């Protein structure tokens, strides 16, 4: 737990300042600095920065091959304030900009199907009615690049 705390001699963190000085006031100040440095800063709601992404997208985007079925499901960085992983949900996903490659569709946020045309495509997927750990989040937009070979 972060915040003011008392560390008894020999307690956690005591050994880090042992031998620096024998002045008790100075040692308490050093210990307080160690405690403050160990405490994390303010956390974003739900334990971190919430975001939706496609984990299968590499550095260049999602890769697909003509005639081979592909599917990419979205995921989200969603956690409780204590850092435990939490579930996320959305009320619907839609293409907000761009076009999916011919043969691919967007269903419940997942991009899948059988691509029929080579090329490089970019699409913005909008997730509406998003919740993380049952708490409402703003709608999310994810830019996805899809390369069909």
C-alpha atoms as a PDB file:
ATOM      1  CA  UNK A   1       0.000   0.000   0.000  1.00  0.00           C
ATOM      2  CA  UNK A   2       1.365   3.429  -0.886  1.00  0.00           C
ATOM      3  CA  UNK A   3       1.318   6.410   1.375  1.00  0.00           C
ATOM      4  CA  UNK A   4       3.001   7.375   4.626  1.00  0.00           C
ATOM      5  CA  UNK A   5       4.451   4.403   6.428  1.00  0.00           C
ATOM      6  CA  UNK A   6       6.766   3.663   9.324  1.00  0.00           C
ATOM      7  CA  UNK A   7       9.601   1.214   8.840  1.00  0.00           C
ATOM      8  CA  UNK A   8      11.097  -0.157  12.015  1.00  0.00           C
ATOM      9  CA  UNK A   9      14.888  -0.650  12.077  1.00  0.00           C
ATOM     10  CA  UNK A  10      15.611  -3.972  10.437  1.00  0.00           C
ATOM     11  CA  UNK A  11      12.323  -3.834   8.510  1.00  0.00           C
ATOM     12  CA  UNK A  12      11.851  -3.828   4.731  1.00  0.00           C
ATOM     13  CA  UNK A  13      14.087  -1.307   3.014  1.00  0.00           C
ATOM     14  CA  UNK A  14      16.217  -0.665   6.089  1.00  0.00           C
ATOM     15  CA  UNK A  15      19.268  -2.410   4.662  1.00  0.00           C
ATOM     16  CA  UNK A  16      19.299  -0.137   1.621  1.00  0.00           C
ATOM     17  CA  UNK A  17      20.423   2.863   3.722  1.00  0.00           C
ATOM     18  CA  UNK A  18      22.495   1.106   6.399  1.00  0.00           C
ATOM     19  CA  UNK A  19      25.928   2.640   6.777  1.00  0.00           C
ATOM     20  CA  UNK A  20      25.097   5.830   4.880  1.00  0.00           C
ATOM     21  CA  UNK A  21      24.863   7.910   8.020  1.00  0.00           C
ATOM     22  CA  UNK A  22      24.226   7.473  11.731  1.00  0.00           C
ATOM     23  CA  UNK A  23      22.058  10.600  11.965  1.00  0.00           C
ATOM     24  CA  UNK A  24      18.517   9.292  12.634  1.00  0.00           C
ATOM     25  CA  UNK A  25      16.812  12.285  10.966  1.00  0.00           C
ATOM     26  CA  UNK A  26      18.843  11.868   7.819  1.00  0.00           C
ATOM     27  CA  UNK A  27      18.145   8.124   7.723  1.00  0.00           C
ATOM     28  CA  UNK A  28      14.376   8.698   8.025  1.00  0.00           C
ATOM     29  CA  UNK A  29      14.532  11.181   5.144  1.00  0.00           C
ATOM     30  CA  UNK A  30      16.380   8.701   2.975  1.00  0.00           C
ATOM     31  CA  UNK A  31      13.899   5.964   3.887  1.00  0.00           C
ATOM     32  CA  UNK A  32      11.003   8.256   2.980  1.00  0.00           C
ATOM     33  CA  UNK A  33      12.566   8.887  -0.410  1.00  0.00           C
ATOM     34  CA  UNK A  34      12.931   5.161  -0.961  1.00  0.00           C
ATOM     35  CA  UNK A  35       9.281   4.636  -0.053  1.00  0.00           C
ATOM     36  CA  UNK A  36       8.010   7.386  -2.342  1.00  0.00           C
ATOM     37  CA  UNK A  37      10.109   6.100  -5.241  1.00  0.00           C
ATOM     38  CA  UNK A  38       8.677   2.605  -4.757  1.00  0.00           C
ATOM     39  CA  UNK A  39       5.056   3.755  -4.945  1.00  0.00           C
ATOM     40  CA  UNK A  40       3.493   3.800  -8.399  1.00  0.00           C
ATOM     41  CA  UNK A  41       2.047   7.040  -9.703  1.00  0.00           C
ATOM     42  CA  UNK A  42      -1.653   7.573 -10.271  1.00  0.00           C
ATOM     43  CA  UNK A  43      -3.236   4.875 -12.371  1.00  0.00           C
ATOM     44  CA  UNK A  44      -5.632   5.379 -15.215  1.00  0.00           C
ATOM     45  CA  UNK A  45      -9.167   4.060 -14.624  1.00  0.00           C
ATOM     46  CA  UNK A  46      -9.368   0.282 -14.268  1.00  0.00           C
ATOM     47  CA  UNK A  47      -5.668  -0.164 -13.547  1.00  0.00           C
ATOM     48  CA  UNK A  48      -4.132   1.105 -16.766  1.00  0.00           C
ATOM     49  CA  UNK A  49      -4.638   2.703 -20.137  1.00  0.00           C
ATOM     50  CA  UNK A  50      -7.603   0.948 -21.735  1.00  0.00           C
ATOM     51  CA  UNK A  51      -7.246   0.204 -25.429  1.00  0.00           C
ATOM     52  CA  UNK A  52      -8.560  -2.215 -28.028  1.00  0.00           C
ATOM     53  CA  UNK A  53      -6.144  -3.825 -30.480  1.00  0.00           C
ATOM     54  CA  UNK A  54      -5.635  -6.819 -32.768  1.00  0.00           C
ATOM     55  CA  UNK A  55      -2.897  -8.981 -31.201  1.00  0.00           C
ATOM     56  CA  UNK A  56      -2.238 -10.845 -34.485  1.00  0.00           C
ATOM     57  CA  UNK A  57      -1.242  -7.607 -36.237  1.00  0.00           C
ATOM     58  CA  UNK A  58       2.536  -7.526 -36.594  1.00  0.00           C
ATOM     59  CA  UNK A  59       4.686  -4.491 -37.275  1.00  0.00           C
ATOM     60  CA  UNK A  60       3.267  -4.233 -40.801  1.00  0.00           C
ATOM     61  CA  UNK A  61      -0.339  -5.157 -39.949  1.00  0.00           C
ATOM     62  CA  UNK A  62      -2.427  -8.278 -40.421  1.00  0.00           C
ATOM     63  CA  UNK A  63      -1.196 -10.621 -43.138  1.00  0.00           C
ATOM     64  CA  UNK A  64      -3.448 -12.818 -45.271  1.00  0.00           C
ATOM     65  CA  UNK A  65      -3.129 -15.001 -48.363  1.00  0.00           C
ATOM     66  CA  UNK A  66      -5.545 -15.291 -51.272  1.00  0.00           C
ATOM     67  CA  UNK A  67      -7.604 -18.436 -50.906  1.00  0.00           C
ATOM     68  CA  UNK A  68      -6.587 -19.077 -47.272  1.00  0.00           C
ATOM     69  CA  UNK A  69      -9.106 -18.468 -44.520  1.00  0.00           C
ATOM     70  CA  UNK A  70      -8.002 -15.920 -41.961  1.00  0.00           C
ATOM     71  CA  UNK A  71      -9.437 -14.561 -38.739  1.00  0.00           C
ATOM     72  CA  UNK A  72      -8.187 -11.847 -36.397  1.00  0.00           C
ATOM     73  CA  UNK A  73     -10.014 -11.278 -33.133  1.00  0.00           C
ATOM     74  CA  UNK A  74      -9.739  -8.046 -31.175  1.00  0.00           C
ATOM     75  CA  UNK A  75      -8.403  -7.938 -27.634  1.00  0.00           C
ATOM     76  CA  UNK A  76      -8.218  -5.200 -25.033  1.00  0.00           C
ATOM     77  CA  UNK A  77      -5.838  -4.056 -22.351  1.00  0.00           C
ATOM     78  CA  UNK A  78      -8.375  -4.182 -19.528  1.00  0.00           C
ATOM     79  CA  UNK A  79      -7.644  -4.614 -15.840  1.00  0.00           C
ATOM     80  CA  UNK A  80      -9.044  -3.932 -12.383  1.00  0.00           C
ATOM     81  CA  UNK A  81      -7.472  -1.117 -10.310  1.00  0.00           C
ATOM     82  CA  UNK A  82      -5.336  -3.707  -8.491  1.00  0.00           C
ATOM     83  CA  UNK A  83      -3.828  -4.863 -11.794  1.00  0.00           C
ATOM     84  CA  UNK A  84      -5.720  -8.138 -12.233  1.00  0.00           C
ATOM     85  CA  UNK A  85      -6.858  -8.843 -15.779  1.00  0.00           C
ATOM     86  CA  UNK A  86     -10.541  -8.099 -16.391  1.00  0.00           C
ATOM     87  CA  UNK A  87     -13.070  -8.832 -19.117  1.00  0.00           C
ATOM     88  CA  UNK A  88     -14.092  -6.301 -21.704  1.00  0.00           C
ATOM     89  CA  UNK A  89     -17.121  -6.155 -23.956  1.00  0.00           C
ATOM     90  CA  UNK A  90     -18.608  -4.034 -26.702  1.00  0.00           C
ATOM     91  CA  UNK A  91     -22.114  -3.521 -28.038  1.00  0.00           C
ATOM     92  CA  UNK A  92     -21.010  -3.597 -31.662  1.00  0.00           C
ATOM     93  CA  UNK A  93     -18.211  -3.006 -34.118  1.00  0.00           C
ATOM     94  CA  UNK A  94     -18.396  -1.311 -37.500  1.00  0.00           C
ATOM     95  CA  UNK A  95     -16.128  -0.049 -40.254  1.00  0.00           C
ATOM     96  CA  UNK A  96     -15.760   3.683 -39.612  1.00  0.00           C
ATOM     97  CA  UNK A  97     -13.375   4.389 -42.511  1.00  0.00           C
ATOM     98  CA  UNK A  98     -11.667   2.529 -45.336  1.00  0.00           C
ATOM     99  CA  UNK A  99     -12.624  -0.844 -46.751  1.00  0.00           C
ATOM    100  CA  UNK A 100     -11.891  -4.431 -45.866  1.00  0.00           C
ATOM    101  CA  UNK A 101     -10.232  -6.538 -48.575  1.00  0.00           C
ATOM    102  CA  UNK A 102     -12.735  -8.350 -50.833  1.00  0.00           C
ATOM    103  CA  UNK A 103     -13.779 -11.610 -49.179  1.00  0.00           C
ATOM    104  CA  UNK A 104     -13.248 -10.408 -45.595  1.00  0.00           C
ATOM    105  CA  UNK A 105     -16.005  -9.299 -43.226  1.00  0.00           C
ATOM    106  CA  UNK A 106     -16.242  -7.709 -39.804  1.00  0.00           C
ATOM    107  CA  UNK A 107     -18.337  -9.688 -37.328  1.00  0.00           C
ATOM    108  CA  UNK A 108     -18.454  -8.864 -33.600  1.00  0.00           C
ATOM    109  CA  UNK A 109     -15.144  -7.047 -34.042  1.00  0.00           C
ATOM    110  CA  UNK A 110     -13.387 -10.039 -35.600  1.00  0.00           C
ATOM    111  CA  UNK A 111     -12.034  -9.659 -39.119  1.00  0.00           C
ATOM    112  CA  UNK A 112     -12.271 -12.885 -41.067  1.00  0.00           C
ATOM    113  CA  UNK A 113     -13.046 -14.683 -44.271  1.00  0.00           C
ATOM    114  CA  UNK A 114     -11.361 -15.798 -47.471  1.00  0.00           C
ATOM    115  CA  UNK A 115      -9.468 -12.940 -49.164  1.00  0.00           C
ATOM    116  CA  UNK A 116      -9.861 -12.799 -52.947  1.00  0.00           C
ATOM    117  CA  UNK A 117      -7.678  -9.837 -54.041  1.00  0.00           C
ATOM    118  CA  UNK A 118      -4.035  -8.965 -53.373  1.00  0.00           C
ATOM    119  CA  UNK A 119      -3.187  -5.558 -52.005  1.00  0.00           C
ATOM    120  CA  UNK A 120      -2.638  -3.382 -48.986  1.00  0.00           C
ATOM    121  CA  UNK A 121      -5.787  -2.184 -47.232  1.00  0.00           C
ATOM    122  CA  UNK A 122      -6.425   0.091 -44.269  1.00  0.00           C
ATOM    123  CA  UNK A 123      -9.630   0.115 -42.266  1.00  0.00           C
ATOM    124  CA  UNK A 124     -10.719   1.892 -39.101  1.00  0.00           C
ATOM    125  CA  UNK A 125     -12.838  -0.312 -36.855  1.00  0.00           C
ATOM    126  CA  UNK A 126     -15.096   1.475 -34.365  1.00  0.00           C
ATOM    127  CA  UNK A 127     -16.100  -0.341 -31.173  1.00  0.00           C
ATOM    128  CA  UNK A 128     -19.217   1.148 -29.537  1.00  0.00           C
ATOM    129  CA  UNK A 129     -20.715   0.532 -26.103  1.00  0.00           C
ATOM    130  CA  UNK A 130     -17.378  -0.552 -24.672  1.00  0.00           C
ATOM    131  CA  UNK A 131     -16.990  -1.706 -21.068  1.00  0.00           C
ATOM    132  CA  UNK A 132     -13.912  -2.755 -19.105  1.00  0.00           C
ATOM    133  CA  UNK A 133     -14.443  -4.537 -15.785  1.00  0.00           C
ATOM    134  CA  UNK A 134     -18.150  -3.598 -16.158  1.00  0.00           C
ATOM    135  CA  UNK A 135     -17.249   0.134 -16.246  1.00  0.00           C
ATOM    136  CA  UNK A 136     -18.183   2.142 -19.369  1.00  0.00           C
ATOM    137  CA  UNK A 137     -15.312   3.303 -21.557  1.00  0.00           C
ATOM    138  CA  UNK A 138     -15.361   5.740 -24.480  1.00  0.00           C
ATOM    139  CA  UNK A 139     -15.969   4.255 -27.912  1.00  0.00           C
ATOM    140  CA  UNK A 140     -12.722   2.953 -29.370  1.00  0.00           C
ATOM    141  CA  UNK A 141     -11.353   3.276 -32.902  1.00  0.00           C
ATOM    142  CA  UNK A 142      -8.622   0.962 -34.120  1.00  0.00           C
ATOM    143  CA  UNK A 143      -6.763   1.481 -37.383  1.00  0.00           C
ATOM    144  CA  UNK A 144      -5.930  -1.871 -38.968  1.00  0.00           C
ATOM    145  CA  UNK A 145      -3.701  -2.467 -41.955  1.00  0.00           C
ATOM    146  CA  UNK A 146      -4.289  -5.712 -43.839  1.00  0.00           C
ATOM    147  CA  UNK A 147      -1.826  -6.996 -46.411  1.00  0.00           C
ATOM    148  CA  UNK A 148      -3.106  -9.719 -48.756  1.00  0.00           C
ATOM    149  CA  UNK A 149      -0.427 -11.720 -50.612  1.00  0.00           C
END
